[in-house]
Amino acid sequence: MSPSKVGITGIGAVTGYGWGREHLWDGLSSGKPAAVLTGGYGVGDTDSGWVVRVPEGGDAADGSTRFARAMRWATREAIDDARQRGWRPGRRVGLLHAVVLGDPELWQSFSSEAGAKLSVRDYLGLVPSTPVSMLMREFGFHGPAMNVSAMCTSGSAGMLTAKAWLDADVVDDVVFVTTDLSATPQIVSQFVRLGVAVTDAEPLNACRPFQEGSRGFTFGEAAVAYVLSRRPGGGYTNVLGGAMSHDGFHVTSVDPALTQVRACFEDAVANAGIDFGQVAYLNAHGPGTQQCDGAEAEILDTLLPESAHIYSVKPLAGHCQAAAAAVEIAATALSHDRGVIPAPPIVANAHPRLLDGSTPATHGITLKSSLGMGGHNAVLVLEPAG
């Protein structure tokens, strides 16, 4: 079957703004970051630092950890949303789960002195197949099911994998969920030591993508789910195509030549059957780091039309690691549905094409780029549904 547009027909989200898609939208639209000054995340063990954590919530029957509860909550919300928009599952519904570090809270329990007393049921929650199996059983799905992992490009990689399944006609529909609740003090401190995460400043001061004075990102958490289908009707946005590549250069740094990043953009546009002149927006990876922001600004200036604008929601939602792209795709999909792009406010001298705060959306193509640690690149081509 030849490639075709795939519709996002349902969205579910659990983020630092709360449990539910509308909490995410309201939070982004407010222009106020989700980060909270939290004890244990500062320079010293007892000092406070800024971090975006998913609050407690969900159904206790889904598991003892926020990871387990958030994954299933987001998935249920996406499926319920799709059903309300007229979606009915086909015979072959596949499931993709984008995840990198798994469930750190459960791993901490297992590796502690109490780990030997951890129940077999809880231990099985550490096995990557278990969350997937639980969801497949709950909804009676019997298509293919697997995990996807590409660091902070995982959300885009999973979305493109879902589209590939649909294009190849191995599924009728795909439920895609990405989960990352890894903001433990130990993990966050490692990203601070790498020089990319910032906990000692308020998010809009620390994370300023495409603006002067940016120091990096505020660490975040999220679980975001989607229902994707080729069948028309009821969608938020259409995935026209995309591409993935790998720098093969360094475990943390972007190849300064940008050869593979540029090729990924070019391949994505070709795969979607459009040209760069049709692009209205670049929903950037935009973590506020010098390398990534510099790379995407170069792409904006050399490949995209002068009418195209750029934005990143990481100053608001935080950098949600494996779930980062999924949060950002949700921002675009919801903006297509509601006619407003929830961009953060500009706080310093900025690129002339950076959006400043919530902005009425122009009908047109959005490119969603992801530049993941280790050289993982992905670009999605998105258009408003209808």
Protein backbone atom coordinates (compact mmCIF):
# COMPACT_ATOMS: atom_id res chain seq x y z
CA MET A 1 0.00 0.00 0.00
CA SER A 2 1.40 3.43 -0.92
CA PRO A 3 2.05 5.97 1.85
CA SER A 4 -0.94 8.14 2.72
CA LYS A 5 -1.95 10.66 5.34
CA VAL A 6 -2.67 9.24 8.78
CA GLY A 7 -5.01 11.02 11.17
CA ILE A 8 -4.48 11.61 14.88
CA THR A 9 -8.00 10.96 16.14
CA GLY A 10 -7.50 10.80 19.90
CA ILE A 11 -5.15 12.38 22.44
CA GLY A 12 -4.52 11.62 26.11
CA ALA A 13 -2.00 13.38 28.33
CA VAL A 14 -0.59 13.30 31.84
CA THR A 15 1.93 16.09 32.39
CA GLY A 16 3.28 18.43 35.03
CA TYR A 17 0.12 20.47 34.48
CA GLY A 18 -2.05 17.59 35.69
CA TRP A 19 -3.93 14.48 34.66
CA GLY A 20 -5.71 15.08 31.38
CA ARG A 21 -5.42 16.60 27.93
CA GLU A 22 -7.26 19.79 28.91
CA HIS A 23 -4.85 20.44 31.78
CA LEU A 24 -2.00 20.32 29.27
CA TRP A 25 -3.74 22.70 26.88
CA ASP A 26 -4.77 25.13 29.61
CA GLY A 27 -1.26 25.10 31.07
CA LEU A 28 0.48 25.74 27.76
CA SER A 29 -2.07 28.41 26.83
CA SER A 30 -1.46 30.24 30.10
CA GLY A 31 2.18 30.81 29.21
CA LYS A 32 3.15 29.72 32.72
CA PRO A 33 5.69 26.89 33.19
CA ALA A 34 4.63 23.67 34.87
CA ALA A 35 7.82 23.49 36.92
CA VAL A 36 7.70 23.68 40.69
CA LEU A 37 10.51 24.49 43.12
CA THR A 38 11.02 21.08 44.72
CA GLY A 39 13.17 19.90 47.61
CA GLY A 40 16.09 17.60 46.79
CA TYR A 41 16.74 18.98 43.30
CA GLY A 42 19.16 21.77 44.19
CA VAL A 43 22.94 21.87 44.45
CA GLY A 44 22.93 20.14 47.82
CA ASP A 45 20.93 17.05 48.71
CA THR A 46 18.43 19.07 50.72
CA ASP A 47 18.35 22.16 48.50
CA SER A 48 15.38 22.92 46.27
CA GLY A 49 15.45 23.11 42.49
CA TRP A 50 13.06 23.66 39.57
CA VAL A 51 11.66 20.50 38.00
CA VAL A 52 8.48 19.38 36.22
CA ARG A 53 7.04 16.28 37.88
CA VAL A 54 3.75 14.55 37.21
CA PRO A 55 1.65 14.96 40.37
CA GLU A 56 0.20 11.99 42.19
CA GLY A 57 -3.03 10.74 40.66
CA GLY A 58 -4.59 8.06 38.52
CA ASP A 59 -6.13 4.76 39.51
CA ALA A 60 -4.36 2.89 42.31
CA ALA A 61 -5.48 -0.37 40.71
CA ASP A 62 -3.16 0.38 37.77
CA GLY A 63 -0.01 0.06 39.85
CA SER A 64 1.98 1.34 42.78
CA THR A 65 3.95 3.93 40.78
CA ARG A 66 3.11 7.10 38.91
CA PHE A 67 4.65 5.58 35.76
CA ALA A 68 2.22 2.67 35.67
CA ARG A 69 -0.80 4.82 36.46
CA ALA A 70 0.10 7.62 34.04
CA MET A 71 0.71 5.30 31.09
CA ARG A 72 -2.69 3.66 31.41
CA TRP A 73 -4.53 6.92 32.19
CA ALA A 74 -3.17 8.64 29.08
CA THR A 75 -3.99 5.64 26.90
CA ARG A 76 -7.57 5.40 28.17
CA GLU A 77 -8.09 9.12 27.66
CA ALA A 78 -6.82 8.91 24.06
CA ILE A 79 -9.07 5.95 23.26
CA ASP A 80 -12.10 7.58 24.90
CA ASP A 81 -11.39 10.79 23.00
CA ALA A 82 -11.12 8.96 19.68
CA ARG A 83 -14.38 7.09 20.30
CA GLN A 84 -16.17 10.36 21.05
CA ARG A 85 -14.86 11.67 17.73
CA GLY A 86 -16.35 8.73 15.87
CA TRP A 87 -13.45 6.27 15.78
CA ARG A 88 -14.24 2.57 15.96
CA PRO A 89 -11.34 0.14 16.26
CA GLY A 90 -10.61 -2.18 13.36
CA ARG A 91 -9.79 -5.86 13.71
CA ARG A 92 -6.03 -5.24 13.87
CA VAL A 93 -5.19 -2.57 16.44
CA GLY A 94 -1.47 -2.28 17.12
CA LEU A 95 0.18 -0.78 20.18
CA LEU A 96 3.48 1.09 20.35
CA HIS A 97 5.07 2.25 23.59
CA ALA A 98 7.96 4.74 23.44
CA VAL A 99 10.07 4.48 26.58
CA VAL A 100 13.73 4.86 27.56
CA LEU A 101 14.40 4.33 31.27
CA GLY A 102 11.29 2.39 32.18
CA ASP A 103 9.86 2.88 35.67
CA PRO A 104 12.62 4.44 37.83
CA GLU A 105 10.50 4.43 41.00
CA LEU A 106 10.02 0.69 40.72
CA TRP A 107 13.68 0.14 39.87
CA GLN A 108 14.66 2.05 43.00
CA SER A 109 12.44 -0.20 45.08
CA PHE A 110 13.92 -3.29 43.45
CA SER A 111 17.53 -2.18 43.94
CA SER A 112 17.06 -1.19 47.59
CA GLU A 113 17.35 -3.49 50.58
CA ALA A 114 13.61 -4.10 50.31
CA GLY A 115 14.03 -5.34 46.73
CA ALA A 116 14.30 -8.96 47.79
CA LYS A 117 10.81 -8.67 49.27
CA LEU A 118 9.29 -7.07 46.18
CA SER A 119 6.32 -9.12 45.02
CA VAL A 120 6.59 -11.03 41.77
CA ARG A 121 3.68 -8.95 40.47
CA ASP A 122 5.56 -5.71 41.13
CA TYR A 123 8.78 -7.14 39.70
CA LEU A 124 7.01 -7.99 36.46
CA GLY A 125 6.19 -4.30 36.15
CA LEU A 126 9.89 -3.77 35.42
CA VAL A 127 9.75 -6.02 32.36
CA PRO A 128 9.12 -3.90 29.22
CA SER A 129 6.53 -6.32 27.89
CA THR A 130 4.28 -6.08 30.95
CA PRO A 131 2.78 -2.57 30.51
CA VAL A 132 2.14 -3.34 26.84
CA SER A 133 0.56 -6.69 27.63
CA MET A 134 -1.71 -5.16 30.27
CA LEU A 135 -3.06 -2.57 27.82
CA MET A 136 -3.57 -5.08 25.02
CA ARG A 137 -5.55 -7.31 27.37
CA GLU A 138 -7.62 -4.43 28.79
CA PHE A 139 -8.84 -3.29 25.37
CA GLY A 140 -8.93 -6.64 23.59
CA PHE A 141 -6.41 -5.56 20.94
CA HIS A 142 -4.58 -8.24 18.97
CA GLY A 143 -2.41 -6.43 16.44
CA PRO A 144 1.38 -6.13 16.78
CA ALA A 145 2.73 -4.61 19.99
CA MET A 146 6.24 -3.42 20.79
CA ASN A 147 8.41 -0.80 22.50
CA VAL A 148 10.33 1.98 20.74
CA SER A 149 13.39 3.70 22.20
CA ALA A 150 15.35 6.58 20.65
CA MET A 151 16.15 8.82 23.62
CA CYS A 152 14.32 12.16 23.41
CA THR A 153 13.40 11.46 19.79
CA SER A 154 11.33 8.46 20.93
CA GLY A 155 7.97 10.22 20.53
CA SER A 156 8.63 11.15 16.91
CA ALA A 157 10.20 7.76 16.17
CA GLY A 158 7.13 6.02 17.58
CA MET A 159 4.77 8.20 15.56
CA LEU A 160 6.67 7.41 12.35
CA THR A 161 6.72 3.71 13.21
CA ALA A 162 2.94 3.82 13.69
CA LYS A 163 2.55 5.46 10.28
CA ALA A 164 4.83 2.84 8.71
CA TRP A 165 2.62 0.07 10.13
CA LEU A 166 -0.47 1.75 8.71
CA ASP A 167 1.15 2.38 5.33
CA ALA A 168 2.25 -1.26 5.15
CA ASP A 169 -1.31 -2.41 6.00
CA VAL A 170 -0.16 -4.59 8.89
CA VAL A 171 -2.68 -2.81 11.16
CA ASP A 172 -6.00 -1.03 10.84
CA ASP A 173 -5.28 1.41 13.68
CA VAL A 174 -2.47 2.16 16.12
CA VAL A 175 -2.55 3.23 19.74
CA PHE A 176 0.74 4.96 20.49
CA VAL A 177 1.78 5.95 24.00
CA THR A 178 5.03 7.37 25.30
CA THR A 179 5.90 7.43 28.99
CA ASP A 180 8.76 9.09 30.84
CA LEU A 181 8.52 9.72 34.57
CA SER A 182 12.23 9.69 35.26
CA ALA A 183 12.71 12.98 37.15
CA THR A 184 14.34 11.45 40.20
CA PRO A 185 16.93 13.63 41.95
CA GLN A 186 19.67 11.20 40.90
CA ILE A 187 18.77 11.26 37.20
CA VAL A 188 18.15 15.00 37.05
CA SER A 189 21.50 15.70 38.70
CA GLN A 190 23.29 13.76 35.96
CA PHE A 191 21.73 15.97 33.29
CA VAL A 192 22.76 19.04 35.30
CA ARG A 193 26.33 17.70 35.39
CA LEU A 194 26.18 17.16 31.63
CA GLY A 195 25.53 20.89 31.34
CA VAL A 196 22.14 20.64 29.66
CA ALA A 197 19.57 20.70 32.50
CA VAL A 198 19.08 23.66 34.84
CA THR A 199 17.46 23.49 38.28
CA ASP A 200 18.72 26.68 39.92
CA ALA A 201 16.67 29.18 37.90
CA GLU A 202 13.03 29.68 36.99
CA PRO A 203 12.19 27.96 33.68
CA LEU A 204 11.62 31.08 31.55
CA ASN A 205 14.96 32.44 32.75
CA ALA A 206 16.85 29.18 32.29
CA CYS A 207 15.27 27.77 29.13
CA ARG A 208 15.09 30.35 26.34
CA PRO A 209 15.14 28.49 23.00
CA PHE A 210 16.31 30.76 20.16
CA GLN A 211 16.91 33.63 22.60
CA GLU A 212 19.98 35.14 24.18
CA GLY A 213 20.98 33.87 27.60
CA SER A 214 19.53 30.36 27.40
CA ARG A 215 21.31 27.88 29.68
CA GLY A 216 19.51 24.63 28.88
CA PHE A 217 16.23 23.01 29.88
CA THR A 218 14.10 22.30 32.92
CA PHE A 219 13.76 18.53 33.35
CA GLY A 220 10.22 17.23 32.86
CA GLU A 221 7.93 14.21 32.95
CA ALA A 222 4.89 13.14 30.92
CA ALA A 223 2.83 10.31 29.50
CA VAL A 224 1.06 11.09 26.22
CA ALA A 225 -1.04 8.77 24.06
CA TYR A 226 -2.56 8.90 20.59
CA VAL A 227 -4.95 6.95 18.41
CA LEU A 228 -3.92 6.94 14.74
CA SER A 229 -5.99 5.76 11.81
CA ARG A 230 -6.13 6.03 8.01
CA ARG A 231 -9.90 6.27 8.10
CA PRO A 232 -11.17 9.83 7.57
CA GLY A 233 -13.12 11.95 10.00
CA GLY A 234 -12.84 13.37 13.50
CA GLY A 235 -9.10 13.98 13.52
CA TYR A 236 -7.02 16.72 15.08
CA THR A 237 -4.21 16.64 12.57
CA ASN A 238 -2.81 14.52 9.76
CA VAL A 239 0.64 12.98 9.69
CA LEU A 240 1.68 13.34 6.05
CA GLY A 241 5.08 11.71 6.40
CA GLY A 242 8.49 12.13 7.90
CA ALA A 243 11.99 10.76 8.19
CA MET A 244 14.55 9.52 10.70
CA SER A 245 18.34 9.52 10.63
CA HIS A 246 21.35 9.17 12.91
CA ASP A 247 24.40 11.41 13.13
CA GLY A 248 26.80 8.58 13.98
CA PHE A 249 29.00 11.28 15.51
CA HIS A 250 28.98 11.49 19.33
CA VAL A 251 27.04 10.14 22.31
CA THR A 252 25.84 13.59 23.38
CA SER A 253 26.86 16.22 20.82
CA VAL A 254 25.25 17.24 17.53
CA ASP A 255 27.46 16.87 14.47
CA PRO A 256 28.34 20.53 13.70
CA ALA A 257 28.27 19.79 9.96
CA LEU A 258 24.51 19.10 10.31
CA THR A 259 24.74 16.73 7.35
CA GLN A 260 22.32 14.14 8.71
CA VAL A 261 20.03 16.71 10.35
CA ARG A 262 19.65 18.56 7.07
CA ALA A 263 19.13 15.29 5.17
CA CYS A 264 16.43 14.27 7.66
CA PHE A 265 14.48 17.46 6.96
CA GLU A 266 14.88 17.02 3.21
CA ASP A 267 13.85 13.36 3.34
CA ALA A 268 10.82 14.15 5.51
CA VAL A 269 9.51 16.76 3.09
CA ALA A 270 10.09 14.43 0.13
CA ASN A 271 8.38 11.54 1.92
CA ALA A 272 5.33 13.71 2.63
CA GLY A 273 5.10 14.88 -0.97
CA ILE A 274 5.37 18.58 -0.16
CA ASP A 275 8.00 21.27 -0.62
CA PHE A 276 9.58 23.57 1.94
CA GLY A 277 7.64 26.53 0.57
CA GLN A 278 4.45 25.07 2.09
CA VAL A 279 5.82 25.06 5.64
CA ALA A 280 4.27 27.60 8.01
CA TYR A 281 5.82 26.49 11.31
CA LEU A 282 8.75 24.61 12.79
CA ASN A 283 7.75 23.06 16.11
CA ALA A 284 11.33 22.68 17.22
CA HIS A 285 13.08 20.29 19.56
CA GLY A 286 14.26 23.57 21.08
CA PRO A 287 15.71 22.50 24.43
CA GLY A 288 17.49 25.80 24.97
CA THR A 289 20.95 24.29 24.51
CA GLN A 290 23.46 25.98 22.24
CA GLN A 291 24.01 22.99 19.94
CA CYS A 292 20.39 21.99 19.33
CA ASP A 293 19.04 25.52 19.07
CA GLY A 294 21.86 26.48 16.73
CA ALA A 295 21.18 23.49 14.50
CA GLU A 296 17.45 24.19 14.18
CA ALA A 297 17.97 27.92 13.66
CA GLU A 298 20.33 27.04 10.81
CA ILE A 299 17.67 24.80 9.26
CA LEU A 300 15.05 27.53 9.64
CA ASP A 301 17.28 30.12 7.98
CA THR A 302 18.51 27.96 5.10
CA LEU A 303 15.71 25.51 4.22
CA LEU A 304 12.41 27.05 5.28
CA PRO A 305 10.66 30.01 3.65
CA GLU A 306 11.01 33.47 5.19
CA SER A 307 7.33 33.32 6.12
CA ALA A 308 7.84 30.27 8.39
CA HIS A 309 7.96 30.75 12.17
CA ILE A 310 9.53 28.68 14.93
CA TYR A 311 8.54 27.80 18.49
CA SER A 312 9.30 25.33 21.28
CA VAL A 313 7.08 24.51 24.26
CA LYS A 314 9.91 23.13 26.41
CA PRO A 315 10.13 26.32 28.52
CA LEU A 316 6.54 25.57 29.60
CA ALA A 317 6.17 21.77 29.76
CA GLY A 318 9.82 21.01 30.46
CA HIS A 319 12.00 18.59 28.56
CA CYS A 320 10.04 15.38 29.11
CA GLN A 321 12.79 13.14 27.73
CA ALA A 322 11.32 10.10 25.92
CA ALA A 323 7.90 11.80 26.02
CA ALA A 324 9.17 15.21 24.87
CA ALA A 325 8.20 14.92 21.21
CA ALA A 326 4.81 13.46 22.14
CA VAL A 327 4.03 16.48 24.34
CA GLU A 328 5.10 18.77 21.50
CA ILE A 329 3.09 16.90 18.86
CA ALA A 330 0.07 17.28 21.14
CA ALA A 331 0.68 21.03 21.23
CA THR A 332 0.56 21.16 17.43
CA ALA A 333 -2.44 18.82 17.14
CA LEU A 334 -4.44 20.80 19.69
CA SER A 335 -3.43 24.07 18.04
CA HIS A 336 -4.79 22.75 14.74
CA ASP A 337 -8.05 21.93 16.49
CA ARG A 338 -8.34 25.22 18.39
CA GLY A 339 -6.71 27.75 16.11
CA VAL A 340 -4.07 29.01 18.55
CA ILE A 341 -0.40 28.06 18.93
CA PRO A 342 0.52 27.98 22.65
CA ALA A 343 4.05 29.34 22.28
CA PRO A 344 5.97 30.59 25.34
CA PRO A 345 6.52 34.32 25.80
CA ILE A 346 9.78 35.81 24.57
CA VAL A 347 11.90 37.07 27.49
CA ALA A 348 15.15 38.13 25.77
CA ASN A 349 16.56 39.12 22.39
CA ALA A 350 15.30 36.43 20.04
CA HIS A 351 15.38 35.04 16.53
CA PRO A 352 13.16 37.33 14.44
CA ARG A 353 10.85 34.46 13.49
CA LEU A 354 10.31 33.10 17.01
CA LEU A 355 6.64 33.21 18.05
CA ASP A 356 5.96 35.36 21.11
CA GLY A 357 3.27 33.85 23.33
CA SER A 358 -0.04 32.35 22.25
CA THR A 359 -0.53 33.21 18.58
CA PRO A 360 -3.47 32.70 16.17
CA ALA A 361 -2.56 29.77 13.93
CA THR A 362 -2.15 30.18 10.19
CA HIS A 363 -3.43 27.26 8.13
CA GLY A 364 -0.40 25.42 6.83
CA ILE A 365 2.17 22.70 7.30
CA THR A 366 4.07 22.22 10.56
CA LEU A 367 7.40 20.42 10.70
CA LYS A 368 8.08 18.79 14.08
CA SER A 369 11.77 18.14 14.61
CA SER A 370 13.48 16.05 17.28
CA LEU A 371 17.24 15.95 17.86
CA GLY A 372 17.77 13.26 20.47
CA MET A 373 20.83 12.57 22.57
CA GLY A 374 23.23 10.24 20.82
CA GLY A 375 22.43 11.49 17.33
CA HIS A 376 18.79 10.40 16.90
CA ASN A 377 17.08 12.73 14.40
CA ALA A 378 13.44 12.72 13.33
CA VAL A 379 11.17 15.12 11.45
CA LEU A 380 7.39 14.80 11.16
CA VAL A 381 5.23 16.60 8.61
CA LEU A 382 1.85 17.60 10.08
CA GLU A 383 -1.16 19.37 8.56
CA PRO A 384 -4.50 20.42 10.08
CA ALA A 385 -7.24 17.83 9.60
CA GLY A 386 -10.21 18.69 7.41
